[in-house]
Protein backbone atom coordinates (compact mmCIF):
# COMPACT_ATOMS: atom_id res chain seq x y z
CA MET A 1 -10.82 -9.29 30.97
CA ASP A 2 -12.80 -6.97 28.71
CA MET A 3 -12.57 -4.06 31.16
CA THR A 4 -8.87 -4.67 31.66
CA LEU A 5 -8.11 -4.59 27.93
CA SER A 6 -10.22 -1.47 27.59
CA GLU A 7 -8.32 0.09 30.51
CA ALA A 8 -5.04 -0.50 28.71
CA TYR A 9 -6.29 1.75 25.90
CA ARG A 10 -8.05 4.21 28.22
CA ALA A 11 -4.65 5.31 29.48
CA HIS A 12 -3.83 6.54 25.95
CA PRO A 13 -6.79 8.61 24.71
CA LEU A 14 -7.06 9.90 21.13
CA HIS A 15 -8.29 13.26 19.89
CA LEU A 16 -11.75 13.19 18.30
CA ARG A 17 -10.31 14.22 14.92
CA HIS A 18 -8.52 10.86 14.90
CA ILE A 19 -11.76 8.99 15.69
CA ILE A 20 -14.56 10.50 13.56
CA PRO A 21 -14.46 9.05 10.02
CA LEU A 22 -15.21 10.99 6.87
CA ASP A 23 -18.79 10.59 5.57
CA PHE A 24 -17.68 8.71 2.46
CA SER A 25 -21.22 8.59 1.05
CA SER A 26 -21.13 12.36 0.51
CA VAL A 27 -17.69 12.54 -1.13
CA LEU A 28 -17.27 12.75 -4.93
CA ASN A 29 -13.59 13.69 -5.04
CA LEU A 30 -10.58 12.69 -2.97
CA PRO A 31 -10.15 15.38 -0.28
CA ASP A 32 -6.64 16.63 0.47
CA SER A 33 -6.95 15.21 4.01
CA HIS A 34 -7.01 11.72 2.47
CA ALA A 35 -4.58 12.26 -0.44
CA TRP A 36 -1.32 10.39 0.09
CA SER A 37 1.90 11.07 -1.78
CA LEU A 38 2.70 7.56 -2.95
CA PRO A 39 5.64 7.01 -5.32
CA SER A 40 4.46 4.96 -8.30
CA ASP A 41 6.97 2.18 -7.66
CA ASP A 42 5.65 1.87 -4.10
CA TYR A 43 2.00 1.72 -5.04
CA PHE A 44 2.29 -0.82 -7.83
CA SER A 45 3.07 -3.90 -5.86
CA PHE A 46 4.94 -7.04 -6.78
CA ASN A 47 2.42 -9.33 -8.45
CA ASP A 48 3.96 -12.65 -9.43
CA ALA A 49 1.60 -15.61 -9.19
CA GLY A 50 4.52 -17.73 -8.00
CA SER A 51 5.20 -15.46 -5.04
CA SER A 52 2.39 -15.16 -2.55
CA ILE A 53 1.82 -16.15 1.04
CA PRO A 54 1.38 -19.92 1.50
CA ILE A 55 -2.04 -21.58 1.63
CA ILE A 56 -2.00 -24.20 4.38
CA ASP A 57 -4.52 -27.00 4.90
CA LEU A 58 -5.14 -27.35 8.64
CA MET A 59 -5.89 -31.04 8.04
CA ASP A 60 -2.45 -31.62 6.49
CA PRO A 61 -0.36 -33.95 8.71
CA ASN A 62 2.53 -31.49 8.26
CA ALA A 63 0.42 -28.42 9.09
CA THR A 64 2.46 -27.47 12.18
CA GLU A 65 5.75 -27.45 10.25
CA LEU A 66 4.17 -25.56 7.35
CA VAL A 67 2.78 -22.93 9.74
CA GLY A 68 6.26 -22.54 11.24
CA LEU A 69 7.89 -22.04 7.84
CA ALA A 70 5.25 -19.49 6.85
CA CYS A 71 5.77 -17.56 10.10
CA GLU A 72 9.53 -17.53 9.53
CA LYS A 73 9.48 -16.52 5.86
CA TRP A 74 6.37 -14.37 5.56
CA GLY A 75 4.76 -13.75 8.91
CA ALA A 76 1.50 -14.67 7.21
CA PHE A 77 -0.40 -17.52 5.54
CA GLN A 78 -3.87 -18.43 4.36
CA LEU A 79 -5.60 -21.26 6.21
CA LYS A 80 -8.13 -23.64 4.64
CA ASN A 81 -10.10 -26.57 6.12
CA HIS A 82 -10.25 -24.68 9.41
CA GLY A 83 -13.64 -26.17 10.29
CA ILE A 84 -15.75 -22.99 10.08
CA PRO A 85 -18.39 -23.09 7.31
CA PHE A 86 -18.25 -20.49 4.54
CA GLY A 87 -21.91 -19.57 5.13
CA PHE A 88 -21.01 -18.29 8.60
CA PHE A 89 -18.55 -15.75 7.15
CA GLU A 90 -21.18 -14.67 4.63
CA GLU A 91 -23.52 -13.90 7.53
CA VAL A 92 -20.82 -11.88 9.33
CA GLU A 93 -20.14 -9.94 6.14
CA ARG A 94 -23.85 -9.26 5.66
CA GLU A 95 -24.06 -7.77 9.15
CA ALA A 96 -20.94 -5.67 8.51
CA LYS A 97 -22.55 -4.34 5.32
CA ARG A 98 -25.77 -3.60 7.23
CA LEU A 99 -23.76 -1.61 9.77
CA PHE A 100 -21.54 0.38 7.42
CA SER A 101 -24.34 1.17 4.94
CA LEU A 102 -26.20 3.15 7.63
CA PRO A 103 -26.28 6.97 7.45
CA ALA A 104 -23.25 8.61 9.12
CA GLU A 105 -25.35 10.18 11.87
CA GLN A 106 -26.65 6.76 12.92
CA LYS A 107 -23.18 5.17 13.02
CA LEU A 108 -21.81 8.13 14.98
CA LYS A 109 -24.19 7.27 17.84
CA ALA A 110 -21.73 4.47 18.65
CA LEU A 111 -18.60 6.57 18.11
CA ARG A 112 -15.59 5.32 20.06
CA SER A 113 -14.88 7.68 22.96
CA PRO A 114 -11.43 9.36 23.15
CA GLY A 115 -10.32 6.90 25.81
CA GLY A 116 -12.43 4.02 24.58
CA ALA A 117 -11.50 0.76 22.86
CA THR A 118 -14.84 -0.25 21.30
CA GLY A 119 -17.36 1.18 18.87
CA TYR A 120 -17.30 3.03 15.56
CA GLY A 121 -14.39 5.11 14.29
CA ARG A 122 -11.18 5.54 12.35
CA ALA A 123 -8.30 3.06 12.61
CA ARG A 124 -6.48 3.39 15.94
CA ILE A 125 -3.18 3.92 14.07
CA SER A 126 -4.55 7.12 12.50
CA PRO A 127 -2.65 9.66 14.70
CA PHE A 128 0.72 8.34 13.51
CA PHE A 129 0.23 9.32 9.86
CA PRO A 130 -0.01 12.75 8.20
CA LYS A 131 -3.05 11.78 6.11
CA PHE A 132 -6.29 9.97 6.93
CA MET A 133 -7.18 6.53 5.63
CA TRP A 134 -10.04 5.50 3.34
CA HIS A 135 -11.58 3.33 6.02
CA GLU A 136 -14.28 2.94 8.66
CA GLY A 137 -14.04 0.49 11.53
CA PHE A 138 -16.08 -0.98 14.34
CA THR A 139 -14.29 -2.61 17.30
CA ILE A 140 -15.82 -5.29 19.54
CA ILE A 141 -14.42 -6.61 22.83
CA GLY A 142 -16.72 -9.10 24.49
CA SER A 143 -20.39 -8.32 23.84
CA PRO A 144 -21.08 -5.52 21.33
CA SER A 145 -24.52 -4.85 22.84
CA HIS A 146 -23.51 -1.59 24.58
CA ASP A 147 -22.54 -0.02 21.22
CA ALA A 148 -25.05 -1.87 19.02
CA LYS A 149 -28.02 -0.67 21.11
CA LYS A 150 -27.05 2.93 20.34
CA ILE A 151 -27.31 2.22 16.61
CA TRP A 152 -30.27 -0.21 16.58
CA PRO A 153 -32.26 0.38 19.80
CA ASN A 154 -34.84 -2.26 18.83
CA ASP A 155 -32.92 -4.43 16.38
CA TYR A 156 -29.50 -5.15 17.84
CA ALA A 157 -29.90 -8.83 18.85
CA ARG A 158 -29.06 -10.36 15.45
CA PHE A 159 -25.84 -8.34 15.16
CA CYS A 160 -24.79 -9.08 18.74
CA ASP A 161 -25.53 -12.81 18.61
CA LEU A 162 -23.59 -13.23 15.38
CA MET A 163 -20.57 -11.20 16.50
CA GLU A 164 -20.37 -12.97 19.85
CA ASN A 165 -20.49 -16.30 18.02
CA TYR A 166 -17.81 -15.07 15.61
CA GLU A 167 -15.55 -14.12 18.52
CA LYS A 168 -16.07 -17.57 20.12
CA GLN A 169 -15.31 -19.45 16.89
CA MET A 170 -12.20 -17.36 16.25
CA LYS A 171 -10.98 -17.91 19.83
CA VAL A 172 -11.21 -21.70 19.45
CA LEU A 173 -9.28 -21.59 16.18
CA ALA A 174 -6.73 -19.16 17.67
CA GLU A 175 -6.11 -21.52 20.60
CA ARG A 176 -5.39 -24.36 18.18
CA LEU A 177 -2.99 -22.23 16.16
CA ALA A 178 -1.25 -20.90 19.28
CA GLN A 179 -0.60 -24.43 20.53
CA MET A 180 0.85 -25.39 17.14
CA MET A 181 3.16 -22.37 17.12
CA PHE A 182 4.30 -22.83 20.71
CA GLU A 183 4.89 -26.53 20.15
CA LEU A 184 7.08 -25.66 17.18
CA LEU A 185 9.04 -23.12 19.24
CA GLY A 186 9.51 -25.68 22.03
CA ILE A 187 7.80 -23.55 24.66
CA CYS A 188 6.95 -25.53 27.80
CA GLU A 189 3.42 -26.15 29.10
CA GLU A 190 3.92 -23.82 32.07
CA LYS A 191 4.63 -20.86 29.77
CA ARG A 192 1.55 -21.50 27.64
CA LYS A 193 -1.04 -22.58 30.18
CA TRP A 194 -2.87 -19.28 29.56
CA VAL A 195 -3.99 -20.60 26.15
CA GLY A 196 -7.64 -21.60 26.54
CA ALA A 197 -8.15 -19.41 29.61
CA SER A 198 -11.13 -17.07 29.80
CA ASN A 199 -9.00 -13.97 30.37
CA VAL A 200 -7.10 -13.89 27.08
CA CYS A 201 -7.17 -10.60 25.16
CA GLY A 202 -9.38 -10.99 22.12
CA ALA A 203 -10.98 -8.34 19.95
CA VAL A 204 -12.97 -8.27 16.72
CA GLN A 205 -12.47 -5.44 14.25
CA LEU A 206 -14.95 -4.97 11.40
CA ASN A 207 -13.43 -2.99 8.52
CA PHE A 208 -15.03 -1.17 5.60
CA TYR A 209 -13.09 0.28 2.67
CA PRO A 210 -15.46 2.27 0.43
CA SER A 211 -14.85 2.57 -3.31
CA CYS A 212 -12.53 5.52 -3.90
CA PRO A 213 -12.47 8.12 -6.72
CA GLU A 214 -8.64 8.09 -6.82
CA PRO A 215 -7.42 4.79 -5.36
CA ASN A 216 -3.82 5.35 -6.48
CA ARG A 217 -3.60 8.40 -4.19
CA ALA A 218 -5.49 6.95 -1.23
CA MET A 219 -4.65 4.38 1.44
CA GLY A 220 -7.15 1.98 2.99
CA LEU A 221 -4.91 1.13 5.93
CA ALA A 222 -1.36 2.47 6.24
CA PRO A 223 1.61 0.12 6.71
CA HIS A 224 1.78 -1.30 10.22
CA THR A 225 2.32 -4.45 12.25
CA ASP A 226 -0.30 -5.74 14.67
CA THR A 227 0.36 -5.65 18.41
CA SER A 228 -1.33 -9.05 18.88
CA LEU A 229 0.20 -12.52 19.12
CA PHE A 230 -1.45 -13.03 15.74
CA THR A 231 -4.51 -11.91 13.82
CA ILE A 232 -7.06 -14.07 11.98
CA LEU A 233 -8.79 -12.27 9.11
CA HIS A 234 -11.79 -12.99 6.91
CA GLN A 235 -11.73 -10.80 3.80
CA SER A 236 -14.38 -10.23 1.13
CA PRO A 237 -13.55 -11.32 -2.46
CA THR A 238 -12.03 -7.95 -3.42
CA THR A 239 -8.20 -7.89 -3.22
CA GLY A 240 -6.74 -5.13 -1.07
CA LEU A 241 -4.54 -6.62 1.67
CA GLN A 242 -0.79 -6.58 0.96
CA ILE A 243 2.14 -8.06 2.91
CA PHE A 244 5.61 -6.55 2.66
CA LYS A 245 8.37 -8.99 1.70
CA GLU A 246 12.01 -7.92 1.59
CA GLY A 247 13.38 -8.10 -1.93
CA LYS A 248 9.91 -8.23 -3.46
CA GLY A 249 7.99 -5.26 -2.08
CA TRP A 250 4.25 -5.27 -1.44
CA VAL A 251 2.72 -8.65 -2.26
CA PRO A 252 -1.09 -8.84 -2.65
CA VAL A 253 -3.00 -11.44 -0.63
CA HIS A 254 -5.63 -12.57 -3.10
CA PRO A 255 -8.76 -13.91 -1.38
CA HIS A 256 -8.96 -17.71 -1.53
CA PRO A 257 -12.41 -19.34 -1.23
CA ASN A 258 -13.22 -20.10 2.42
CA ALA A 259 -9.64 -19.45 3.53
CA LEU A 260 -8.72 -17.21 6.43
CA VAL A 261 -5.61 -15.03 6.51
CA VAL A 262 -3.38 -15.38 9.56
CA ASN A 263 -0.67 -12.78 10.18
CA THR A 264 1.78 -12.76 13.05
CA GLY A 265 2.05 -9.79 15.39
CA ASP A 266 4.63 -8.08 17.59
CA LEU A 267 3.99 -10.27 20.66
CA LEU A 268 4.73 -13.51 18.76
CA HIS A 269 7.82 -11.87 17.26
CA ILE A 270 9.02 -11.15 20.82
CA ILE A 271 8.15 -14.62 22.19
CA SER A 272 9.88 -16.34 19.25
CA ASN A 273 12.95 -14.15 19.83
CA ALA A 274 12.56 -12.75 16.30
CA ARG A 275 12.44 -16.22 14.70
CA PHE A 276 8.88 -15.50 13.53
CA ARG A 277 8.41 -12.31 11.57
CA CYS A 278 5.79 -9.72 12.49
CA ALA A 279 4.04 -9.05 9.21
CA LEU A 280 4.17 -5.47 7.95
CA HIS A 281 0.94 -5.06 6.01
CA ARG A 282 -1.31 -2.43 4.46
CA VAL A 283 -4.61 -2.21 2.57
CA THR A 284 -5.16 -0.55 -0.81
CA VAL A 285 -8.53 0.60 -2.13
CA ASN A 286 -10.54 0.17 -5.32
CA SER A 287 -12.29 2.62 -7.64
CA THR A 288 -15.40 0.51 -8.18
CA ARG A 289 -15.60 -2.12 -5.44
CA LYS A 290 -16.25 -1.82 -1.73
CA ARG A 291 -14.23 -4.13 0.49
CA TYR A 292 -15.07 -5.62 3.89
CA SER A 293 -13.06 -7.65 6.37
CA ALA A 294 -13.38 -8.99 9.90
CA ALA A 295 -10.21 -9.33 11.97
CA TYR A 296 -9.79 -11.22 15.23
CA PHE A 297 -6.82 -10.10 17.33
CA TYR A 298 -5.55 -12.77 19.75
CA SER A 299 -3.15 -12.03 22.62
CA PRO A 300 -2.25 -13.41 26.07
CA PRO A 301 -3.94 -11.98 29.19
CA ILE A 302 -3.21 -8.30 29.84
CA ASP A 303 -0.88 -9.01 32.81
CA TYR A 304 1.00 -11.87 31.10
CA VAL A 305 4.76 -11.33 30.94
CA VAL A 306 5.92 -11.72 27.34
CA SER A 307 9.51 -13.02 27.27
CA PRO A 308 11.71 -14.18 24.38
CA PHE A 309 12.15 -17.96 24.30
CA VAL A 310 15.87 -18.68 24.16
CA THR A 311 17.60 -22.04 23.70
CA ARG A 312 21.12 -23.45 23.85
CA ASP A 313 21.32 -23.06 20.09
CA LEU A 314 24.02 -20.50 19.28
CA ASN A 315 21.64 -18.64 16.98
CA ASN A 316 19.02 -18.30 19.70
CA SER A 317 20.94 -18.21 22.99
CA VAL A 318 20.63 -14.47 23.63
CA ALA A 319 17.33 -12.69 24.25
CA ARG A 320 16.81 -9.96 21.65
CA PHE A 321 14.11 -8.20 23.68
CA ARG A 322 13.48 -7.43 27.33
CA SER A 323 10.43 -8.92 29.02
CA VAL A 324 7.24 -6.83 29.04
CA THR A 325 3.66 -7.37 30.11
CA VAL A 326 1.00 -7.21 27.39
CA LYS A 327 -0.37 -4.04 28.98
CA GLU A 328 3.06 -2.40 29.07
CA TYR A 329 3.70 -3.18 25.41
CA ILE A 330 0.29 -1.80 24.40
CA GLY A 331 1.28 1.42 26.21
CA ILE A 332 4.70 1.59 24.52
CA LYS A 333 3.15 1.12 21.08
CA ALA A 334 0.36 3.61 21.78
CA LYS A 335 3.04 6.27 22.30
CA ASN A 336 5.75 5.18 19.89
CA PHE A 337 4.00 3.03 17.24
CA GLY A 338 6.68 1.98 14.71
CA GLU A 339 9.49 2.24 17.27
CA ALA A 340 7.93 -0.01 19.92
CA LEU A 341 9.98 -3.13 19.18
CA SER A 342 13.26 -1.22 18.99
CA LEU A 343 12.51 0.37 22.38
CA ILE A 344 12.45 -3.03 24.08
CA SER A 345 15.36 -4.49 22.10
CA ASN A 346 18.43 -5.62 24.03
């Protein structure tokens, strides 16, 4: 599975300028390469305490229905009582800090190759924007040992053990959420028997957003939707993630103690026949605080055919998208990014 997912990206190599991050530790001023022209009304997001993504208790008897409503209205929610102890996320964050605090030359030993899917580098969406983002990332598919050994030749075991455990814990939670969502959509067992299989596409992305001298002119992560079925995110206490909501603008997702953020991706939008939104989101940066997050991207196996689920209901009787394999959709988005969904629309 890991090689197959990597192969899907290998077919769409990036130029090194879109992979090598800026050495943020040596920067005192915002360079022009990272200076975005953001209209003031766009940057200052909607911030009403009464309007934010829902916080759902996984132990709530109505959790499945609440998840469905959140996917329909927001494409995102925060999840509490998910069964993973807070101390575990603190450990993951500590290892992320240990990684990103290293000198640039040490991190660059594990630089993602032009056709690679794992290792250190800029956000994969970087080529589609005129300016660079105030961000460093580290991508893990399966075991991170191949990349971690390059950085810590004699001290990689702790990082690897923790990240492999993180990926396992996230996969178990993702399987539970996927079953809830598919049950709500009425998708039959045959169409979802891949859930729980060993060949699902899963990836962990560690993110670091350094403090920025001019945060109002910089962008941590530019607006995008995730390719995945959905993404599960642990974020450090500093606010930065924002979800776009029609009629309201950019709504901040304030970190909630021991809650995980779940946002829906393109593949779930296709399977739900556009009933579930795919959350357009971005990350802003801070002048004094560094921010860390760990995302787990969950998708069906690479050769799985993603098809819209239609019913006899008049509002859902016509497929809005053509069927595509996961690999094919990754390829379409790698070339067309923001236009990918429209290119498979019926």
